[in-house]
Amino acid sequence: MARLKITQVRSKIGGTQNQRDSLRSLGLKRIGDVVVKEDRPEIRGMVAKVTHLVEVAELSEEGVE
């Protein structure tokens, strides 16, 4: 399964409570934090709520041909 590298690039200040909760659930606490998560619908949904605050990159599978 693919993996997503999620980096917080903007502050959560001024965001809605739902957006702040999504960032916290993703494991992002401050600008510059990076997490790697499995590419699942739940994660994609949280990222969709905060697309303006994060950068997302897909990581290729190691050893998959």
PDB file of N, CA and C in Angstrom:
ATOM      1  N   MET A   1       0.840  -1.179   0.000  1.00  0.00           N
ATOM      2  CA  MET A   1       0.000   0.000   0.000  1.00  0.00           C
ATOM      3  C   MET A   1       0.887   1.244   0.000  1.00  0.00           C
ATOM      4  N   ALA A   2       0.445   2.265  -0.692  1.00  0.00           N
ATOM      5  CA  ALA A   2       1.208   3.507  -0.778  1.00  0.00           C
ATOM      6  C   ALA A   2       1.223   4.227   0.563  1.00  0.00           C
ATOM      7  N   ARG A   3       2.182   5.105   0.698  1.00  0.00           N
ATOM      8  CA  ARG A   3       2.310   5.882   1.915  1.00  0.00           C
ATOM      9  C   ARG A   3       2.316   7.363   1.539  1.00  0.00           C
ATOM     10  N   LEU A   4       1.846   8.194   2.463  1.00  0.00           N
ATOM     11  CA  LEU A   4       1.805   9.631   2.254  1.00  0.00           C
ATOM     12  C   LEU A   4       2.746  10.323   3.226  1.00  0.00           C
ATOM     13  N   LYS A   5       3.549  11.239   2.705  1.00  0.00           N
ATOM     14  CA  LYS A   5       4.397  12.082   3.549  1.00  0.00           C
ATOM     15  C   LYS A   5       3.676  13.416   3.673  1.00  0.00           C
ATOM     16  N   ILE A   6       3.268  13.761   4.895  1.00  0.00           N
ATOM     17  CA  ILE A   6       2.467  14.954   5.145  1.00  0.00           C
ATOM     18  C   ILE A   6       3.305  15.931   5.964  1.00  0.00           C
ATOM     19  N   THR A   7       3.465  17.153   5.459  1.00  0.00           N
ATOM     20  CA  THR A   7       4.258  18.181   6.122  1.00  0.00           C
ATOM     21  C   THR A   7       3.373  19.387   6.408  1.00  0.00           C
ATOM     22  N   GLN A   8       3.376  19.857   7.653  1.00  0.00           N
ATOM     23  CA  GLN A   8       2.628  21.072   7.981  1.00  0.00           C
ATOM     24  C   GLN A   8       3.458  22.275   7.570  1.00  0.00           C
ATOM     25  N   VAL A   9       2.876  23.159   6.738  1.00  0.00           N
ATOM     26  CA  VAL A   9       3.609  24.309   6.229  1.00  0.00           C
ATOM     27  C   VAL A   9       3.012  25.638   6.676  1.00  0.00           C
ATOM     28  N   ARG A  10       1.806  25.609   7.224  1.00  0.00           N
ATOM     29  CA  ARG A  10       1.172  26.837   7.698  1.00  0.00           C
ATOM     30  C   ARG A  10       0.597  26.611   9.083  1.00  0.00           C
ATOM     31  N   SER A  11       0.376  27.704   9.792  1.00  0.00           N
ATOM     32  CA  SER A  11      -0.109  27.655  11.169  1.00  0.00           C
ATOM     33  C   SER A  11      -1.587  27.300  11.232  1.00  0.00           C
ATOM     34  N   LYS A  12      -1.957  26.649  12.319  1.00  0.00           N
ATOM     35  CA  LYS A  12      -3.368  26.317  12.544  1.00  0.00           C
ATOM     36  C   LYS A  12      -4.121  27.476  13.185  1.00  0.00           C
ATOM     37  N   ILE A  13      -3.420  28.528  13.576  1.00  0.00           N
ATOM     38  CA  ILE A  13      -4.059  29.689  14.196  1.00  0.00           C
ATOM     39  C   ILE A  13      -5.057  30.293  13.216  1.00  0.00           C
ATOM     40  N   GLY A  14      -6.257  30.527  13.671  1.00  0.00           N
ATOM     41  CA  GLY A  14      -7.302  31.095  12.830  1.00  0.00           C
ATOM     42  C   GLY A  14      -8.135  30.045  12.119  1.00  0.00           C
ATOM     43  N   GLY A  15      -7.739  28.790  12.241  1.00  0.00           N
ATOM     44  CA  GLY A  15      -8.498  27.711  11.618  1.00  0.00           C
ATOM     45  C   GLY A  15      -9.675  27.307  12.495  1.00  0.00           C
ATOM     46  N   THR A  16     -10.565  26.557  11.912  1.00  0.00           N
ATOM     47  CA  THR A  16     -11.716  26.081  12.679  1.00  0.00           C
ATOM     48  C   THR A  16     -11.281  24.955  13.618  1.00  0.00           C
ATOM     49  N   GLN A  17     -12.133  24.645  14.571  1.00  0.00           N
ATOM     50  CA  GLN A  17     -11.822  23.561  15.509  1.00  0.00           C
ATOM     51  C   GLN A  17     -11.661  22.233  14.766  1.00  0.00           C
ATOM     52  N   ASN A  18     -12.472  22.028  13.735  1.00  0.00           N
ATOM     53  CA  ASN A  18     -12.387  20.805  12.939  1.00  0.00           C
ATOM     54  C   ASN A  18     -11.019  20.677  12.265  1.00  0.00           C
ATOM     55  N   GLN A  19     -10.496  21.782  11.752  1.00  0.00           N
ATOM     56  CA  GLN A  19      -9.185  21.763  11.117  1.00  0.00           C
ATOM     57  C   GLN A  19      -8.089  21.502  12.132  1.00  0.00           C
ATOM     58  N   ARG A  20      -8.175  22.121  13.298  1.00  0.00           N
ATOM     59  CA  ARG A  20      -7.173  21.903  14.347  1.00  0.00           C
ATOM     60  C   ARG A  20      -7.204  20.455  14.824  1.00  0.00           C
ATOM     61  N   ASP A  21      -8.399  19.888  14.939  1.00  0.00           N
ATOM     62  CA  ASP A  21      -8.532  18.488  15.349  1.00  0.00           C
ATOM     63  C   ASP A  21      -7.942  17.549  14.301  1.00  0.00           C
ATOM     64  N   SER A  22      -8.131  17.869  13.026  1.00  0.00           N
ATOM     65  CA  SER A  22      -7.578  17.039  11.953  1.00  0.00           C
ATOM     66  C   SER A  22      -6.059  17.051  11.987  1.00  0.00           C
ATOM     67  N   LEU A  23      -5.464  18.222  12.188  1.00  0.00           N
ATOM     68  CA  LEU A  23      -4.005  18.306  12.283  1.00  0.00           C
ATOM     69  C   LEU A  23      -3.488  17.474  13.446  1.00  0.00           C
ATOM     70  N   ARG A  24      -4.151  17.581  14.588  1.00  0.00           N
ATOM     71  CA  ARG A  24      -3.723  16.835  15.774  1.00  0.00           C
ATOM     72  C   ARG A  24      -3.866  15.337  15.542  1.00  0.00           C
ATOM     73  N   SER A  25      -4.942  14.913  14.908  1.00  0.00           N
ATOM     74  CA  SER A  25      -5.147  13.491  14.628  1.00  0.00           C
ATOM     75  C   SER A  25      -4.107  12.948  13.652  1.00  0.00           C
ATOM     76  N   LEU A  26      -3.637  13.800  12.762  1.00  0.00           N
ATOM     77  CA  LEU A  26      -2.586  13.393  11.839  1.00  0.00           C
ATOM     78  C   LEU A  26      -1.228  13.329  12.535  1.00  0.00           C
ATOM     79  N   GLY A  27      -1.125  13.936  13.712  1.00  0.00           N
ATOM     80  CA  GLY A  27       0.137  13.928  14.451  1.00  0.00           C
ATOM     81  C   GLY A  27       0.979  15.159  14.188  1.00  0.00           C
ATOM     82  N   LEU A  28       0.370  16.212  13.656  1.00  0.00           N
ATOM     83  CA  LEU A  28       1.092  17.449  13.353  1.00  0.00           C
ATOM     84  C   LEU A  28       0.812  18.466  14.448  1.00  0.00           C
ATOM     85  N   LYS A  29       1.887  18.996  15.041  1.00  0.00           N
ATOM     86  CA  LYS A  29       1.738  19.932  16.154  1.00  0.00           C
ATOM     87  C   LYS A  29       2.238  21.328  15.825  1.00  0.00           C
ATOM     88  N   ARG A  30       3.220  21.434  14.929  1.00  0.00           N
ATOM     89  CA  ARG A  30       3.799  22.740  14.629  1.00  0.00           C
ATOM     90  C   ARG A  30       4.287  22.771  13.180  1.00  0.00           C
ATOM     91  N   ILE A  31       4.551  23.963  12.702  1.00  0.00           N
ATOM     92  CA  ILE A  31       5.042  24.136  11.341  1.00  0.00           C
ATOM     93  C   ILE A  31       6.357  23.381  11.190  1.00  0.00           C
ATOM     94  N   GLY A  32       6.479  22.647  10.102  1.00  0.00           N
ATOM     95  CA  GLY A  32       7.686  21.883   9.834  1.00  0.00           C
ATOM     96  C   GLY A  32       7.597  20.430  10.253  1.00  0.00           C
ATOM     97  N   ASP A  33       6.582  20.067  11.030  1.00  0.00           N
ATOM     98  CA  ASP A  33       6.406  18.668  11.423  1.00  0.00           C
ATOM     99  C   ASP A  33       6.091  17.817  10.195  1.00  0.00           C
ATOM    100  N   VAL A  34       6.658  16.612  10.164  1.00  0.00           N
ATOM    101  CA  VAL A  34       6.446  15.681   9.052  1.00  0.00           C
ATOM    102  C   VAL A  34       6.006  14.345   9.623  1.00  0.00           C
ATOM    103  N   VAL A  35       4.967  13.758   9.028  1.00  0.00           N
ATOM    104  CA  VAL A  35       4.526  12.418   9.392  1.00  0.00           C
ATOM    105  C   VAL A  35       4.368  11.597   8.127  1.00  0.00           C
ATOM    106  N   VAL A  36       4.522  10.290   8.264  1.00  0.00           N
ATOM    107  CA  VAL A  36       4.300   9.371   7.156  1.00  0.00           C
ATOM    108  C   VAL A  36       3.160   8.452   7.560  1.00  0.00           C
ATOM    109  N   LYS A  37       2.110   8.448   6.763  1.00  0.00           N
ATOM    110  CA  LYS A  37       0.907   7.667   7.058  1.00  0.00           C
ATOM    111  C   LYS A  37       0.566   6.771   5.871  1.00  0.00           C
ATOM    112  N   GLU A  38      -0.149   5.680   6.156  1.00  0.00           N
ATOM    113  CA  GLU A  38      -0.667   4.823   5.098  1.00  0.00           C
ATOM    114  C   GLU A  38      -1.710   5.603   4.299  1.00  0.00           C
ATOM    115  N   ASP A  39      -1.789   5.343   3.010  1.00  0.00           N
ATOM    116  CA  ASP A  39      -2.761   6.002   2.139  1.00  0.00           C
ATOM    117  C   ASP A  39      -4.101   5.291   2.288  1.00  0.00           C
ATOM    118  N   ARG A  40      -4.915   5.803   3.208  1.00  0.00           N
ATOM    119  CA  ARG A  40      -6.228   5.219   3.483  1.00  0.00           C
ATOM    120  C   ARG A  40      -7.285   6.315   3.388  1.00  0.00           C
ATOM    121  N   PRO A  41      -8.542   5.945   3.191  1.00  0.00           N
ATOM    122  CA  PRO A  41      -9.596   6.956   3.047  1.00  0.00           C
ATOM    123  C   PRO A  41      -9.711   7.881   4.262  1.00  0.00           C
ATOM    124  N   GLU A  42      -9.484   7.354   5.470  1.00  0.00           N
ATOM    125  CA  GLU A  42      -9.600   8.188   6.668  1.00  0.00           C
ATOM    126  C   GLU A  42      -8.528   9.285   6.669  1.00  0.00           C
ATOM    127  N   ILE A  43      -7.324   8.905   6.281  1.00  0.00           N
ATOM    128  CA  ILE A  43      -6.222   9.861   6.244  1.00  0.00           C
ATOM    129  C   ILE A  43      -6.458  10.883   5.146  1.00  0.00           C
ATOM    130  N   ARG A  44      -6.904  10.427   3.976  1.00  0.00           N
ATOM    131  CA  ARG A  44      -7.199  11.336   2.864  1.00  0.00           C
ATOM    132  C   ARG A  44      -8.277  12.348   3.263  1.00  0.00           C
ATOM    133  N   GLY A  45      -9.266  11.904   4.033  1.00  0.00           N
ATOM    134  CA  GLY A  45     -10.329  12.808   4.484  1.00  0.00           C
ATOM    135  C   GLY A  45      -9.804  13.888   5.409  1.00  0.00           C
ATOM    136  N   MET A  46      -8.915  13.515   6.339  1.00  0.00           N
ATOM    137  CA  MET A  46      -8.328  14.504   7.242  1.00  0.00           C
ATOM    138  C   MET A  46      -7.457  15.489   6.474  1.00  0.00           C
ATOM    139  N   VAL A  47      -6.700  14.982   5.505  1.00  0.00           N
ATOM    140  CA  VAL A  47      -5.852  15.853   4.690  1.00  0.00           C
ATOM    141  C   VAL A  47      -6.723  16.807   3.867  1.00  0.00           C
ATOM    142  N   ALA A  48      -7.854  16.338   3.382  1.00  0.00           N
ATOM    143  CA  ALA A  48      -8.739  17.182   2.580  1.00  0.00           C
ATOM    144  C   ALA A  48      -9.250  18.384   3.367  1.00  0.00           C
ATOM    145  N   LYS A  49      -9.404  18.228   4.684  1.00  0.00           N
ATOM    146  CA  LYS A  49      -9.876  19.330   5.522  1.00  0.00           C
ATOM    147  C   LYS A  49      -8.827  20.408   5.722  1.00  0.00           C
ATOM    148  N   VAL A  50      -7.546  20.052   5.552  1.00  0.00           N
ATOM    149  CA  VAL A  50      -6.470  21.000   5.847  1.00  0.00           C
ATOM    150  C   VAL A  50      -5.489  21.140   4.680  1.00  0.00           C
ATOM    151  N   THR A  51      -5.984  21.024   3.454  1.00  0.00           N
ATOM    152  CA  THR A  51      -5.090  21.073   2.287  1.00  0.00           C
ATOM    153  C   THR A  51      -4.313  22.383   2.206  1.00  0.00           C
ATOM    154  N   HIS A  52      -4.885  23.464   2.722  1.00  0.00           N
ATOM    155  CA  HIS A  52      -4.215  24.763   2.666  1.00  0.00           C
ATOM    156  C   HIS A  52      -3.137  24.907   3.742  1.00  0.00           C
ATOM    157  N   LEU A  53      -3.054  23.957   4.665  1.00  0.00           N
ATOM    158  CA  LEU A  53      -2.073  24.027   5.754  1.00  0.00           C
ATOM    159  C   LEU A  53      -0.941  23.015   5.602  1.00  0.00           C
ATOM    160  N   VAL A  54      -1.098  22.043   4.699  1.00  0.00           N
ATOM    161  CA  VAL A  54      -0.123  20.964   4.591  1.00  0.00           C
ATOM    162  C   VAL A  54       0.322  20.762   3.141  1.00  0.00           C
ATOM    163  N   GLU A  55       1.453  20.077   2.994  1.00  0.00           N
ATOM    164  CA  GLU A  55       1.907  19.585   1.691  1.00  0.00           C
ATOM    165  C   GLU A  55       1.922  18.071   1.774  1.00  0.00           C
ATOM    166  N   VAL A  56       1.464  17.423   0.721  1.00  0.00           N
ATOM    167  CA  VAL A  56       1.376  15.965   0.702  1.00  0.00           C
ATOM    168  C   VAL A  56       2.183  15.432  -0.468  1.00  0.00           C
ATOM    169  N   ALA A  57       2.981  14.395  -0.188  1.00  0.00           N
ATOM    170  CA  ALA A  57       3.744  13.736  -1.237  1.00  0.00           C
ATOM    171  C   ALA A  57       3.539  12.235  -1.090  1.00  0.00           C
ATOM    172  N   GLU A  58       3.356  11.549  -2.209  1.00  0.00           N
ATOM    173  CA  GLU A  58       3.233  10.092  -2.175  1.00  0.00           C
ATOM    174  C   GLU A  58       4.615   9.484  -2.206  1.00  0.00           C
ATOM    175  N   LEU A  59       4.848   8.528  -1.336  1.00  0.00           N
ATOM    176  CA  LEU A  59       6.112   7.823  -1.292  1.00  0.00           C
ATOM    177  C   LEU A  59       5.953   6.518  -2.049  1.00  0.00           C
ATOM    178  N   SER A  60       6.935   6.206  -2.868  1.00  0.00           N
ATOM    179  CA  SER A  60       6.885   4.943  -3.608  1.00  0.00           C
ATOM    180  C   SER A  60       7.232   3.800  -2.667  1.00  0.00           C
ATOM    181  N   GLU A  61       6.711   2.626  -2.977  1.00  0.00           N
ATOM    182  CA  GLU A  61       6.988   1.433  -2.189  1.00  0.00           C
ATOM    183  C   GLU A  61       8.430   0.987  -2.407  1.00  0.00           C
ATOM    184  N   GLU A  62       9.128   0.653  -1.356  1.00  0.00           N
ATOM    185  CA  GLU A  62      10.485   0.163  -1.447  1.00  0.00           C
ATOM    186  C   GLU A  62      10.451  -1.296  -1.857  1.00  0.00           C
ATOM    187  N   GLY A  63      11.194  -1.649  -2.884  1.00  0.00           N
ATOM    188  CA  GLY A  63      11.297  -3.037  -3.293  1.00  0.00           C
ATOM    189  C   GLY A  63      10.143  -3.552  -4.126  1.00  0.00           C
ATOM    190  N   VAL A  64       9.216  -2.718  -4.505  1.00  0.00           N
ATOM    191  CA  VAL A  64       8.092  -3.142  -5.341  1.00  0.00           C
ATOM    192  C   VAL A  64       8.465  -2.904  -6.801  1.00  0.00           C
ATOM    193  N   GLU A  65       8.205  -3.895  -7.645  1.00  0.00           N
ATOM    194  CA  GLU A  65       8.569  -3.752  -9.057  1.00  0.00           C
ATOM    195  C   GLU A  65       7.365  -3.636  -9.926  1.00  0.00           C
TER     196      GLU A  65
END
